[in-house]
C-alpha atoms as a PDB file:
ATOM      1  CA  MET A   1     160.881  64.125 145.392  1.00  0.00           C
ATOM      2  CA  ASN A   2     158.006  61.867 143.916  1.00  0.00           C
ATOM      3  CA  ASN A   3     159.256  61.775 140.347  1.00  0.00           C
ATOM      4  CA  ARG A   4     156.052  63.197 139.009  1.00  0.00           C
ATOM      5  CA  ALA A   5     156.434  66.181 136.818  1.00  0.00           C
ATOM      6  CA  ILE A   6     154.279  68.681 134.961  1.00  0.00           C
ATOM      7  CA  ILE A   7     155.674  69.773 131.635  1.00  0.00           C
ATOM      8  CA  ALA A   8     154.883  73.323 130.609  1.00  0.00           C
ATOM      9  CA  MET A   9     154.007  72.812 126.908  1.00  0.00           C
ATOM     10  CA  SER A  10     153.792  75.883 124.667  1.00  0.00           C
ATOM     11  CA  GLY A  11     153.411  73.812 121.542  1.00  0.00           C
ATOM     12  CA  GLY A  12     156.907  74.613 120.395  1.00  0.00           C
ATOM     13  CA  VAL A  13     159.785  72.179 119.834  1.00  0.00           C
ATOM     14  CA  ASP A  14     161.744  73.144 122.986  1.00  0.00           C
ATOM     15  CA  SER A  15     159.088  72.181 125.461  1.00  0.00           C
ATOM     16  CA  SER A  16     158.169  69.047 123.448  1.00  0.00           C
ATOM     17  CA  VAL A  17     161.873  67.692 123.614  1.00  0.00           C
ATOM     18  CA  ALA A  18     161.946  68.690 127.312  1.00  0.00           C
ATOM     19  CA  ALA A  19     158.887  66.431 127.833  1.00  0.00           C
ATOM     20  CA  TYR A  20     160.487  63.650 125.962  1.00  0.00           C
ATOM     21  CA  LEU A  21     163.865  63.881 127.951  1.00  0.00           C
ATOM     22  CA  THR A  22     162.045  64.019 131.297  1.00  0.00           C
ATOM     23  CA  ILE A  23     159.925  60.893 130.543  1.00  0.00           C
ATOM     24  CA  SER A  24     163.114  59.164 129.362  1.00  0.00           C
ATOM     25  CA  GLN A  25     164.493  59.857 132.859  1.00  0.00           C
ATOM     26  CA  GLY A  26     161.772  57.841 134.397  1.00  0.00           C
ATOM     27  CA  TYR A  27     159.378  60.562 135.454  1.00  0.00           C
ATOM     28  CA  GLU A  28     155.572  60.201 135.439  1.00  0.00           C
ATOM     29  CA  CYS A  29     154.591  63.186 133.347  1.00  0.00           C
ATOM     30  CA  VAL A  30     151.547  65.226 132.281  1.00  0.00           C
ATOM     31  CA  GLY A  31     151.687  68.029 129.818  1.00  0.00           C
ATOM     32  CA  ALA A  32     150.155  71.475 130.606  1.00  0.00           C
ATOM     33  CA  THR A  33     149.493  74.311 128.263  1.00  0.00           C
ATOM     34  CA  MET A  34     148.750  77.612 130.011  1.00  0.00           C
ATOM     35  CA  LYS A  35     145.999  79.586 128.461  1.00  0.00           C
ATOM     36  CA  LEU A  36     147.167  83.112 128.957  1.00  0.00           C
ATOM     37  CA  PHE A  37     144.807  85.037 126.603  1.00  0.00           C
ATOM     38  CA  ASN A  38     142.563  84.680 123.633  1.00  0.00           C
ATOM     39  CA  ASN A  39     144.314  86.074 120.427  1.00  0.00           C
ATOM     40  CA  GLU A  40     141.117  87.543 119.214  1.00  0.00           C
ATOM     41  CA  ASP A  41     140.565  89.384 122.476  1.00  0.00           C
ATOM     42  CA  ILE A  42     143.814  91.409 122.093  1.00  0.00           C
ATOM     43  CA  GLY A  43     143.625  91.815 118.291  1.00  0.00           C
ATOM     44  CA  LEU A  44     146.038  89.030 117.249  1.00  0.00           C
ATOM     45  CA  CYS A  45     145.363  86.786 114.170  1.00  0.00           C
ATOM     46  CA  ARG A  46     148.824  85.554 113.398  1.00  0.00           C
ATOM     47  CA  GLU A  47     150.288  82.084 113.288  1.00  0.00           C
ATOM     48  CA  ASP A  48     153.494  82.713 115.163  1.00  0.00           C
ATOM     49  CA  SER A  49     151.928  83.973 118.411  1.00  0.00           C
ATOM     50  CA  CYS A  50     151.548  81.797 121.496  1.00  0.00           C
ATOM     51  CA  CYS A  51     148.265  80.670 123.080  1.00  0.00           C
ATOM     52  CA  SER A  52     146.785  79.939 119.595  1.00  0.00           C
ATOM     53  CA  PHE A  53     144.571  76.986 118.918  1.00  0.00           C
ATOM     54  CA  GLU A  54     147.316  75.586 116.744  1.00  0.00           C
ATOM     55  CA  ASP A  55     149.922  75.643 119.539  1.00  0.00           C
ATOM     56  CA  THR A  56     147.499  73.847 121.912  1.00  0.00           C
ATOM     57  CA  LYS A  57     146.804  71.298 119.200  1.00  0.00           C
ATOM     58  CA  ASP A  58     150.534  70.757 118.699  1.00  0.00           C
ATOM     59  CA  ALA A  59     151.110  70.333 122.406  1.00  0.00           C
ATOM     60  CA  LYS A  60     148.292  67.816 122.662  1.00  0.00           C
ATOM     61  CA  CYS A  61     149.599  65.918 119.544  1.00  0.00           C
ATOM     62  CA  VAL A  62     153.140  65.638 121.108  1.00  0.00           C
ATOM     63  CA  ALA A  63     151.753  64.600 124.529  1.00  0.00           C
ATOM     64  CA  ALA A  64     149.608  61.800 122.806  1.00  0.00           C
ATOM     65  CA  LYS A  65     152.687  60.689 121.016  1.00  0.00           C
ATOM     66  CA  LEU A  66     154.581  60.470 124.368  1.00  0.00           C
ATOM     67  CA  GLY A  67     151.608  58.614 125.972  1.00  0.00           C
ATOM     68  CA  MET A  68     151.056  61.192 128.675  1.00  0.00           C
ATOM     69  CA  PRO A  69     147.789  63.295 129.511  1.00  0.00           C
ATOM     70  CA  HIS A  70     147.567  66.782 128.414  1.00  0.00           C
ATOM     71  CA  TYR A  71     145.588  69.625 130.167  1.00  0.00           C
ATOM     72  CA  VAL A  72     144.997  73.304 129.534  1.00  0.00           C
ATOM     73  CA  PHE A  73     145.150  75.537 132.541  1.00  0.00           C
ATOM     74  CA  ASN A  74     143.351  78.895 132.158  1.00  0.00           C
ATOM     75  CA  PHE A  75     145.625  81.457 133.720  1.00  0.00           C
ATOM     76  CA  SER A  76     144.298  84.351 131.609  1.00  0.00           C
ATOM     77  CA  ASP A  77     143.121  86.328 134.592  1.00  0.00           C
ATOM     78  CA  LYS A  78     146.498  86.062 136.362  1.00  0.00           C
ATOM     79  CA  PHE A  79     148.351  86.843 133.005  1.00  0.00           C
ATOM     80  CA  GLU A  80     146.216  90.131 132.740  1.00  0.00           C
ATOM     81  CA  SER A  81     146.977  91.211 136.342  1.00  0.00           C
ATOM     82  CA  GLU A  82     150.532  90.070 136.702  1.00  0.00           C
ATOM     83  CA  VAL A  83     152.003  90.558 133.129  1.00  0.00           C
ATOM     84  CA  ILE A  84     149.769  92.813 130.927  1.00  0.00           C
ATOM     85  CA  ALA A  85     148.896  95.288 133.742  1.00  0.00           C
ATOM     86  CA  ARG A  86     152.452  95.505 134.757  1.00  0.00           C
ATOM     87  CA  PHE A  87     153.493  96.037 131.148  1.00  0.00           C
ATOM     88  CA  ILE A  88     151.103  98.964 130.861  1.00  0.00           C
ATOM     89  CA  ASP A  89     151.998 100.446 134.227  1.00  0.00           C
ATOM     90  CA  ALA A  90     155.698 100.509 133.429  1.00  0.00           C
ATOM     91  CA  TYR A  91     155.030 102.689 130.343  1.00  0.00           C
ATOM     92  CA  ARG A  92     152.670 104.775 132.554  1.00  0.00           C
ATOM     93  CA  HIS A  93     155.811 105.574 134.566  1.00  0.00           C
ATOM     94  CA  GLY A  94     158.301 106.082 131.701  1.00  0.00           C
ATOM     95  CA  ARG A  95     159.905 102.683 132.125  1.00  0.00           C
ATOM     96  CA  THR A  96     160.691  99.974 129.528  1.00  0.00           C
ATOM     97  CA  PRO A  97     159.314  96.643 130.869  1.00  0.00           C
ATOM     98  CA  ASN A  98     160.321  93.064 129.981  1.00  0.00           C
ATOM     99  CA  PRO A  99     157.093  91.020 130.119  1.00  0.00           C
ATOM    100  CA  CYS A 100     158.863  87.675 129.601  1.00  0.00           C
ATOM    101  CA  ILE A 101     160.565  88.016 132.958  1.00  0.00           C
ATOM    102  CA  ASP A 102     157.282  88.828 134.646  1.00  0.00           C
ATOM    103  CA  CYS A 103     155.585  85.795 132.853  1.00  0.00           C
ATOM    104  CA  ASN A 104     158.357  83.488 134.170  1.00  0.00           C
ATOM    105  CA  ARG A 105     158.241  85.042 137.657  1.00  0.00           C
ATOM    106  CA  TYR A 106     154.509  85.012 138.228  1.00  0.00           C
ATOM    107  CA  LEU A 107     152.993  82.495 135.885  1.00  0.00           C
ATOM    108  CA  LYS A 108     155.512  79.563 135.186  1.00  0.00           C
ATOM    109  CA  PHE A 109     157.370  79.496 138.477  1.00  0.00           C
ATOM    110  CA  GLU A 110     154.643  80.710 140.756  1.00  0.00           C
ATOM    111  CA  HIS A 111     151.023  79.838 139.588  1.00  0.00           C
ATOM    112  CA  LEU A 112     152.088  76.797 137.521  1.00  0.00           C
ATOM    113  CA  LEU A 113     154.179  75.525 140.298  1.00  0.00           C
ATOM    114  CA  LYS A 114     151.260  75.987 142.814  1.00  0.00           C
ATOM    115  CA  ARG A 115     149.070  74.164 140.497  1.00  0.00           C
ATOM    116  CA  ALA A 116     151.568  71.217 140.306  1.00  0.00           C
ATOM    117  CA  GLU A 117     151.702  71.064 144.009  1.00  0.00           C
ATOM    118  CA  GLU A 118     147.885  70.998 144.301  1.00  0.00           C
ATOM    119  CA  LEU A 119     147.895  68.064 141.930  1.00  0.00           C
ATOM    120  CA  ASP A 120     150.705  66.293 143.816  1.00  0.00           C
ATOM    121  CA  TYR A 121     153.343  66.859 141.140  1.00  0.00           C
ATOM    122  CA  ASP A 122     156.649  67.665 142.583  1.00  0.00           C
ATOM    123  CA  THR A 123     158.443  69.243 139.650  1.00  0.00           C
ATOM    124  CA  VAL A 124     157.633  71.748 136.802  1.00  0.00           C
ATOM    125  CA  VAL A 125     159.717  71.224 133.595  1.00  0.00           C
ATOM    126  CA  THR A 126     160.135  73.854 130.956  1.00  0.00           C
ATOM    127  CA  GLY A 127     161.993  74.298 127.630  1.00  0.00           C
ATOM    128  CA  HIS A 128     164.182  77.127 128.766  1.00  0.00           C
ATOM    129  CA  TYR A 129     167.872  76.981 127.767  1.00  0.00           C
ATOM    130  CA  ALA A 130     169.596  77.373 131.180  1.00  0.00           C
ATOM    131  CA  ARG A 131     170.870  74.902 133.807  1.00  0.00           C
ATOM    132  CA  ILE A 132     170.089  74.329 137.421  1.00  0.00           C
ATOM    133  CA  GLU A 133     172.626  72.647 139.733  1.00  0.00           C
ATOM    134  CA  TRP A 134     172.960  71.844 143.447  1.00  0.00           C
ATOM    135  CA  ASP A 135     176.138  73.370 144.869  1.00  0.00           C
ATOM    136  CA  GLU A 136     177.071  71.420 148.017  1.00  0.00           C
ATOM    137  CA  PRO A 137     179.573  73.860 149.446  1.00  0.00           C
ATOM    138  CA  ARG A 138     177.230  76.695 149.206  1.00  0.00           C
ATOM    139  CA  LYS A 139     174.185  74.599 150.231  1.00  0.00           C
ATOM    140  CA  ARG A 140     172.267  76.404 147.404  1.00  0.00           C
ATOM    141  CA  PHE A 141     170.814  75.731 144.019  1.00  0.00           C
ATOM    142  CA  LEU A 142     172.655  77.629 141.245  1.00  0.00           C
ATOM    143  CA  LEU A 143     171.186  78.961 138.081  1.00  0.00           C
ATOM    144  CA  LYS A 144     173.738  78.783 135.153  1.00  0.00           C
ATOM    145  CA  LYS A 145     173.938  79.724 131.494  1.00  0.00           C
ATOM    146  CA  ALA A 146     173.070  77.211 128.858  1.00  0.00           C
ATOM    147  CA  VAL A 147     175.664  75.412 127.082  1.00  0.00           C
ATOM    148  CA  ASP A 148     174.371  76.994 123.837  1.00  0.00           C
ATOM    149  CA  GLU A 149     175.005  80.609 124.727  1.00  0.00           C
ATOM    150  CA  THR A 150     173.392  81.752 121.486  1.00  0.00           C
ATOM    151  CA  LYS A 151     170.059  80.413 123.042  1.00  0.00           C
ATOM    152  CA  ASP A 152     170.887  81.003 126.747  1.00  0.00           C
ATOM    153  CA  GLN A 153     167.830  82.275 128.673  1.00  0.00           C
ATOM    154  CA  SER A 154     169.305  82.712 132.101  1.00  0.00           C
ATOM    155  CA  TYR A 155     168.782  86.410 131.941  1.00  0.00           C
ATOM    156  CA  VAL A 156     164.880  86.053 131.999  1.00  0.00           C
ATOM    157  CA  LEU A 157     165.080  83.584 134.805  1.00  0.00           C
ATOM    158  CA  TYR A 158     167.064  85.536 137.409  1.00  0.00           C
ATOM    159  CA  SER A 159     163.988  85.982 139.599  1.00  0.00           C
ATOM    160  CA  MET A 160     163.793  82.294 140.549  1.00  0.00           C
ATOM    161  CA  THR A 161     163.791  81.544 144.245  1.00  0.00           C
ATOM    162  CA  GLN A 162     165.583  78.667 145.878  1.00  0.00           C
ATOM    163  CA  ASP A 163     162.272  76.803 146.402  1.00  0.00           C
ATOM    164  CA  GLN A 164     161.440  77.206 142.761  1.00  0.00           C
ATOM    165  CA  LEU A 165     164.855  76.060 141.547  1.00  0.00           C
ATOM    166  CA  ALA A 166     164.577  72.993 143.757  1.00  0.00           C
ATOM    167  CA  HIS A 167     161.260  72.115 141.994  1.00  0.00           C
ATOM    168  CA  THR A 168     162.096  72.926 138.461  1.00  0.00           C
ATOM    169  CA  LYS A 169     163.993  70.943 135.782  1.00  0.00           C
ATOM    170  CA  LEU A 170     165.472  72.544 132.612  1.00  0.00           C
ATOM    171  CA  PRO A 171     166.487  69.471 130.387  1.00  0.00           C
ATOM    172  CA  LEU A 172     167.696  71.630 127.476  1.00  0.00           C
ATOM    173  CA  GLY A 173     170.365  73.499 129.391  1.00  0.00           C
ATOM    174  CA  GLY A 174     173.135  71.092 128.361  1.00  0.00           C
ATOM    175  CA  LEU A 175     172.073  70.796 124.679  1.00  0.00           C
ATOM    176  CA  ARG A 176     172.419  73.031 121.560  1.00  0.00           C
ATOM    177  CA  LYS A 177     169.360  73.966 119.605  1.00  0.00           C
ATOM    178  CA  THR A 178     170.549  71.947 116.643  1.00  0.00           C
ATOM    179  CA  GLN A 179     170.600  68.911 118.943  1.00  0.00           C
ATOM    180  CA  VAL A 180     167.036  69.580 120.171  1.00  0.00           C
ATOM    181  CA  ARG A 181     165.698  69.913 116.617  1.00  0.00           C
ATOM    182  CA  GLU A 182     167.308  66.612 115.774  1.00  0.00           C
ATOM    183  CA  ILE A 183     165.766  64.885 118.764  1.00  0.00           C
ATOM    184  CA  ALA A 184     162.385  66.224 117.776  1.00  0.00           C
ATOM    185  CA  LYS A 185     162.899  64.868 114.142  1.00  0.00           C
ATOM    186  CA  GLU A 186     163.992  61.496 115.438  1.00  0.00           C
ATOM    187  CA  GLN A 187     160.859  61.248 117.600  1.00  0.00           C
ATOM    188  CA  GLY A 188     158.544  62.343 114.702  1.00  0.00           C
ATOM    189  CA  PHE A 189     157.236  65.358 116.546  1.00  0.00           C
ATOM    190  CA  ILE A 190     154.822  67.461 114.412  1.00  0.00           C
ATOM    191  CA  ASN A 191     156.495  70.713 115.568  1.00  0.00           C
ATOM    192  CA  ALA A 192     160.182  69.542 114.772  1.00  0.00           C
ATOM    193  CA  ASP A 193     160.696  72.320 112.274  1.00  0.00           C
ATOM    194  CA  LYS A 194     158.259  74.867 113.845  1.00  0.00           C
ATOM    195  CA  SER A 195     159.528  78.509 113.819  1.00  0.00           C
ATOM    196  CA  GLU A 196     160.089  80.281 117.084  1.00  0.00           C
ATOM    197  CA  SER A 197     157.645  82.851 118.317  1.00  0.00           C
ATOM    198  CA  GLN A 198     159.136  86.427 118.166  1.00  0.00           C
ATOM    199  CA  ASP A 199     158.566  89.735 119.916  1.00  0.00           C
ATOM    200  CA  ILE A 200     156.141  90.187 122.735  1.00  0.00           C
ATOM    201  CA  CYS A 201     153.696  87.478 122.543  1.00  0.00           C
ATOM    202  CA  PHE A 202     150.544  89.485 123.255  1.00  0.00           C
ATOM    203  CA  VAL A 203     151.542  92.511 121.023  1.00  0.00           C
ATOM    204  CA  GLN A 204     150.931  92.376 117.335  1.00  0.00           C
ATOM    205  CA  ASP A 205     153.809  93.105 114.990  1.00  0.00           C
ATOM    206  CA  GLY A 206     155.698  94.804 117.949  1.00  0.00           C
ATOM    207  CA  ASP A 207     153.309  97.766 118.048  1.00  0.00           C
ATOM    208  CA  TYR A 208     153.144  97.983 121.776  1.00  0.00           C
ATOM    209  CA  ALA A 209     152.038 101.692 121.683  1.00  0.00           C
ATOM    210  CA  THR A 210     148.756 100.819 119.874  1.00  0.00           C
ATOM    211  CA  PHE A 211     148.215  97.846 122.246  1.00  0.00           C
ATOM    212  CA  ILE A 212     148.622 100.170 125.309  1.00  0.00           C
ATOM    213  CA  GLU A 213     146.183 102.725 123.717  1.00  0.00           C
ATOM    214  CA  GLN A 214     143.575 100.071 123.237  1.00  0.00           C
ATOM    215  CA  HIS A 215     143.912  98.346 126.573  1.00  0.00           C
ATOM    216  CA  SER A 216     144.246 101.212 128.944  1.00  0.00           C
ATOM    217  CA  ASP A 217     143.149 104.629 129.877  1.00  0.00           C
ATOM    218  CA  LEU A 218     146.671 106.051 129.697  1.00  0.00           C
ATOM    219  CA  ASP A 219     146.752 109.678 128.491  1.00  0.00           C
ATOM    220  CA  ASN A 220     149.095 109.670 125.476  1.00  0.00           C
ATOM    221  CA  ALA A 221     148.880 113.296 124.495  1.00  0.00           C
ATOM    222  CA  PRO A 222     151.606 114.918 122.376  1.00  0.00           C
ATOM    223  CA  GLY A 223     154.262 116.905 124.111  1.00  0.00           C
ATOM    224  CA  ASP A 224     157.744 118.436 123.686  1.00  0.00           C
ATOM    225  CA  PHE A 225     160.947 116.890 122.615  1.00  0.00           C
ATOM    226  CA  ILE A 226     163.681 118.941 124.436  1.00  0.00           C
ATOM    227  CA  ASP A 227     167.465 118.620 124.599  1.00  0.00           C
ATOM    228  CA  VAL A 228     169.375 118.238 127.762  1.00  0.00           C
ATOM    229  CA  HIS A 229     169.397 121.938 128.400  1.00  0.00           C
ATOM    230  CA  GLY A 230     165.720 122.258 128.071  1.00  0.00           C
ATOM    231  CA  LYS A 231     165.539 123.707 124.549  1.00  0.00           C
ATOM    232  CA  LYS A 232     162.425 122.602 122.591  1.00  0.00           C
ATOM    233  CA  LEU A 233     163.383 120.537 119.443  1.00  0.00           C
ATOM    234  CA  GLY A 234     160.034 119.418 118.252  1.00  0.00           C
ATOM    235  CA  THR A 235     156.736 117.687 119.278  1.00  0.00           C
ATOM    236  CA  HIS A 236     156.367 114.092 120.143  1.00  0.00           C
ATOM    237  CA  ARG A 237     153.422 111.816 119.478  1.00  0.00           C
ATOM    238  CA  GLY A 238     152.870 110.610 123.057  1.00  0.00           C
ATOM    239  CA  ILE A 239     155.485 109.168 125.457  1.00  0.00           C
ATOM    240  CA  ILE A 240     154.515 105.564 125.035  1.00  0.00           C
ATOM    241  CA  HIS A 241     155.824 105.674 121.435  1.00  0.00           C
ATOM    242  CA  TYR A 242     159.509 106.084 122.794  1.00  0.00           C
ATOM    243  CA  THR A 243     162.047 103.945 124.582  1.00  0.00           C
ATOM    244  CA  ILE A 244     165.569 104.865 125.846  1.00  0.00           C
ATOM    245  CA  GLY A 245     168.146 104.783 123.147  1.00  0.00           C
ATOM    246  CA  GLN A 246     165.571 105.020 120.300  1.00  0.00           C
ATOM    247  CA  ARG A 247     166.764 106.880 117.212  1.00  0.00           C
ATOM    248  CA  LYS A 248     164.306 105.951 114.463  1.00  0.00           C
ATOM    249  CA  GLY A 249     160.891 107.598 114.091  1.00  0.00           C
ATOM    250  CA  LEU A 250     161.605 110.767 116.100  1.00  0.00           C
ATOM    251  CA  GLY A 251     160.895 113.097 113.227  1.00  0.00           C
ATOM    252  CA  VAL A 252     163.328 115.676 114.479  1.00  0.00           C
ATOM    253  CA  ALA A 253     165.459 117.495 111.899  1.00  0.00           C
ATOM    254  CA  ALA A 254     169.070 118.025 112.841  1.00  0.00           C
ATOM    255  CA  ALA A 255     172.586 117.931 111.589  1.00  0.00           C
ATOM    256  CA  ARG A 256     173.517 114.924 113.749  1.00  0.00           C
ATOM    257  CA  PRO A 257     171.253 112.090 114.873  1.00  0.00           C
ATOM    258  CA  PHE A 258     169.322 112.555 118.126  1.00  0.00           C
ATOM    259  CA  TYR A 259     168.407 109.610 120.549  1.00  0.00           C
ATOM    260  CA  VAL A 260     165.926 109.298 123.385  1.00  0.00           C
ATOM    261  CA  LYS A 261     167.878 109.924 126.665  1.00  0.00           C
ATOM    262  CA  GLU A 262     165.005 110.302 129.166  1.00  0.00           C
ATOM    263  CA  ILE A 263     161.187 110.154 129.329  1.00  0.00           C
ATOM    264  CA  ARG A 264     159.771 112.600 131.781  1.00  0.00           C
ATOM    265  CA  MET A 265     156.190 111.640 132.715  1.00  0.00           C
ATOM    266  CA  LEU A 266     155.453 114.614 135.069  1.00  0.00           C
ATOM    267  CA  ASP A 267     155.648 117.255 132.306  1.00  0.00           C
ATOM    268  CA  ASN A 268     155.148 114.865 129.362  1.00  0.00           C
ATOM    269  CA  THR A 269     158.421 115.555 127.713  1.00  0.00           C
ATOM    270  CA  VAL A 270     161.023 113.362 125.919  1.00  0.00           C
ATOM    271  CA  VAL A 271     164.686 114.342 126.349  1.00  0.00           C
ATOM    272  CA  LEU A 272     166.865 113.946 123.373  1.00  0.00           C
ATOM    273  CA  CYS A 273     170.669 113.848 123.065  1.00  0.00           C
ATOM    274  CA  GLU A 274     173.454 112.892 120.736  1.00  0.00           C
ATOM    275  CA  GLN A 275     174.874 109.499 120.929  1.00  0.00           C
ATOM    276  CA  GLU A 276     177.558 110.264 123.465  1.00  0.00           C
ATOM    277  CA  GLY A 277     174.968 111.491 125.943  1.00  0.00           C
ATOM    278  CA  LEU A 278     173.434 107.916 126.211  1.00  0.00           C
ATOM    279  CA  TYR A 279     176.361 106.564 128.123  1.00  0.00           C
ATOM    280  CA  SER A 280     175.995 105.856 131.914  1.00  0.00           C
ATOM    281  CA  LYS A 281     178.717 104.978 134.484  1.00  0.00           C
ATOM    282  CA  GLY A 282     176.354 103.178 136.772  1.00  0.00           C
ATOM    283  CA  LEU A 283     172.785 102.190 137.834  1.00  0.00           C
ATOM    284  CA  SER A 284     170.481 101.475 140.767  1.00  0.00           C
ATOM    285  CA  ALA A 285     168.132  98.632 140.914  1.00  0.00           C
ATOM    286  CA  ASP A 286     165.442  97.397 143.253  1.00  0.00           C
ATOM    287  CA  ARG A 287     163.188  94.293 143.477  1.00  0.00           C
ATOM    288  CA  ILE A 288     166.378  92.256 143.632  1.00  0.00           C
ATOM    289  CA  ASN A 289     166.678  88.543 143.821  1.00  0.00           C
ATOM    290  CA  MET A 290     169.918  86.745 144.895  1.00  0.00           C
ATOM    291  CA  ILE A 291     170.452  83.099 143.762  1.00  0.00           C
ATOM    292  CA  ALA A 292     174.242  82.236 144.252  1.00  0.00           C
ATOM    293  CA  THR A 293     174.390  83.841 147.635  1.00  0.00           C
ATOM    294  CA  GLU A 294     171.928  85.117 150.292  1.00  0.00           C
ATOM    295  CA  LYS A 295     173.349  88.663 149.902  1.00  0.00           C
ATOM    296  CA  LEU A 296     176.443  90.470 148.825  1.00  0.00           C
ATOM    297  CA  ASP A 297     178.471  91.297 151.965  1.00  0.00           C
ATOM    298  CA  GLY A 298     180.526  93.941 150.287  1.00  0.00           C
ATOM    299  CA  PRO A 299     181.450  95.280 146.907  1.00  0.00           C
ATOM    300  CA  ALA A 300     181.817  92.421 144.317  1.00  0.00           C
ATOM    301  CA  ARG A 301     183.526  92.277 141.092  1.00  0.00           C
ATOM    302  CA  LEU A 302     180.927  90.753 138.652  1.00  0.00           C
ATOM    303  CA  GLN A 303     179.862  90.724 135.005  1.00  0.00           C
ATOM    304  CA  VAL A 304     176.617  92.460 134.335  1.00  0.00           C
ATOM    305  CA  ARG A 305     173.938  92.410 131.599  1.00  0.00           C
ATOM    306  CA  THR A 306     171.381  95.224 131.299  1.00  0.00           C
ATOM    307  CA  ARG A 307     169.766  93.757 128.156  1.00  0.00           C
ATOM    308  CA  TYR A 308     168.750  90.315 127.131  1.00  0.00           C
ATOM    309  CA  HIS A 309     171.494  89.338 124.615  1.00  0.00           C
ATOM    310  CA  GLN A 310     173.989  91.861 125.551  1.00  0.00           C
ATOM    311  CA  GLU A 311     177.593  90.836 126.218  1.00  0.00           C
ATOM    312  CA  GLU A 312     178.354  90.902 129.913  1.00  0.00           C
ATOM    313  CA  GLN A 313     180.302  93.902 131.175  1.00  0.00           C
ATOM    314  CA  TRP A 314     182.648  94.054 134.130  1.00  0.00           C
ATOM    315  CA  ALA A 315     181.385  96.146 137.151  1.00  0.00           C
ATOM    316  CA  THR A 316     181.563  96.569 140.783  1.00  0.00           C
ATOM    317  CA  VAL A 317     178.309  95.692 142.483  1.00  0.00           C
ATOM    318  CA  THR A 318     177.307  96.793 145.971  1.00  0.00           C
ATOM    319  CA  GLN A 319     174.100  95.524 147.628  1.00  0.00           C
ATOM    320  CA  THR A 320     172.666  98.698 149.312  1.00  0.00           C
ATOM    321  CA  GLY A 321     169.637  97.239 151.130  1.00  0.00           C
ATOM    322  CA  ALA A 322     167.619  94.071 151.410  1.00  0.00           C
ATOM    323  CA  ASP A 323     165.971  94.886 148.113  1.00  0.00           C
ATOM    324  CA  SER A 324     168.416  97.209 146.304  1.00  0.00           C
ATOM    325  CA  LEU A 325     171.892  97.347 144.742  1.00  0.00           C
ATOM    326  CA  ASP A 326     174.179  99.713 142.879  1.00  0.00           C
ATOM    327  CA  VAL A 327     176.309  98.966 139.753  1.00  0.00           C
ATOM    328  CA  ILE A 328     179.387 100.948 138.757  1.00  0.00           C
ATOM    329  CA  PHE A 329     180.706  99.843 135.395  1.00  0.00           C
ATOM    330  CA  ASP A 330     184.382  99.685 134.443  1.00  0.00           C
ATOM    331  CA  GLU A 331     183.388 101.392 131.057  1.00  0.00           C
ATOM    332  CA  PRO A 332     180.269 103.491 130.689  1.00  0.00           C
ATOM    333  CA  GLN A 333     177.311 101.629 129.037  1.00  0.00           C
ATOM    334  CA  CYS A 334     174.950 102.817 126.415  1.00  0.00           C
ATOM    335  CA  ALA A 335     171.145 103.329 126.655  1.00  0.00           C
ATOM    336  CA  ILE A 336     170.465 101.826 130.021  1.00  0.00           C
ATOM    337  CA  ALA A 337     166.686 101.638 130.390  1.00  0.00           C
ATOM    338  CA  PRO A 338     164.833 101.943 133.615  1.00  0.00           C
ATOM    339  CA  GLY A 339     162.367  99.017 133.985  1.00  0.00           C
ATOM    340  CA  GLN A 340     164.682  96.560 132.314  1.00  0.00           C
ATOM    341  CA  ALA A 341     166.554  93.824 134.303  1.00  0.00           C
ATOM    342  CA  VAL A 342     170.108  94.034 135.441  1.00  0.00           C
ATOM    343  CA  VAL A 343     171.443  90.463 135.867  1.00  0.00           C
ATOM    344  CA  LEU A 344     174.777  89.702 137.573  1.00  0.00           C
ATOM    345  CA  TYR A 345     177.094  86.911 136.522  1.00  0.00           C
ATOM    346  CA  ASP A 346     180.133  85.143 137.965  1.00  0.00           C
ATOM    347  CA  GLY A 347     181.393  83.319 134.828  1.00  0.00           C
ATOM    348  CA  ASP A 348     178.457  81.142 133.840  1.00  0.00           C
ATOM    349  CA  ILE A 349     176.686  81.453 137.244  1.00  0.00           C
ATOM    350  CA  VAL A 350     173.791  83.805 137.762  1.00  0.00           C
ATOM    351  CA  VAL A 351     174.493  85.514 141.025  1.00  0.00           C
ATOM    352  CA  GLY A 352     171.297  87.479 140.965  1.00  0.00           C
ATOM    353  CA  GLY A 353     169.578  90.618 139.525  1.00  0.00           C
ATOM    354  CA  GLY A 354     166.936  93.317 139.909  1.00  0.00           C
ATOM    355  CA  THR A 355     164.947  95.891 138.041  1.00  0.00           C
ATOM    356  CA  ILE A 356     166.759  99.050 136.906  1.00  0.00           C
ATOM    357  CA  VAL A 357     165.399 102.135 138.640  1.00  0.00           C
ATOM    358  CA  VAL A 358     167.737 104.832 137.402  1.00  0.00           C
ATOM    359  CA  SER A 359     171.203 105.153 135.611  1.00  0.00           C
ATOM    360  CA  ASP A 360     173.728 107.987 135.872  1.00  0.00           C
END
């Protein structure tokens, strides 16, 4: 380790405080803001989106205050191919993607880490709320939940490899958000009270359907709403307007509420059900990544999340192949969506995770 670090600076308070703490530990640091897209190119004109001129200016201001250089790395082509294209392709196949996971997987902890190595910087530092620790008995790096579980981001970091964990620092994992804000105020950072970005960073006002229509050739023709027995209930506006578990905006008149149970791309239908029909006993996942162990040697009792801020649920997890696993829950779970991540926990330790393929 050469004690030289690149700080991934978004312009927000978290990455700014992460930079301050890393410099305080004696690291030689530079700040780096990743240019992922031009707001005007994808129709954004709001202040709370990332990649804006104001964000870059805030990052430069903090870097200057800390006495370190600041650079802007243009990763827009990679963001287009690794995040936006995957986001659109997921909807093309009736899945519900999580682009934040892909951004971490392919941009921050792949391309940014490669850039750091090219510039002879050994470590990438981010403002994520999670912890990385070396476990001597296992001879492995562990990813753990943040101390502030209300801000914990371990769910979106489950894809990190051992090599990436070895070259990453997460200084905020042991702090609460209130402490981070206080440090920023004490240091006089311009963004100490800056609000956090919301929703998907490249989608305006959460209108992902319009974004997909404007940035792809995806056929979004109307089709049938049907029930679980195949009976037609109405006409939908195009499948990209719907996600598993959705209730609002269906426009189907019925005595009891209907929810989206399944999206069928082949015949352009959306299957609806009453609430009890949303529950699943288990799921299968692929594209798995194991952190706390190289592999699961047999059925394991673990806690599981199938959504970002969901409370963990007890389940039996079996690794069924080098890149697949099955999960059977103790209690059926509601609205499990293919395309989302399933993340496995042993207490505060992230055991691993994968991408949900199907639930049953």
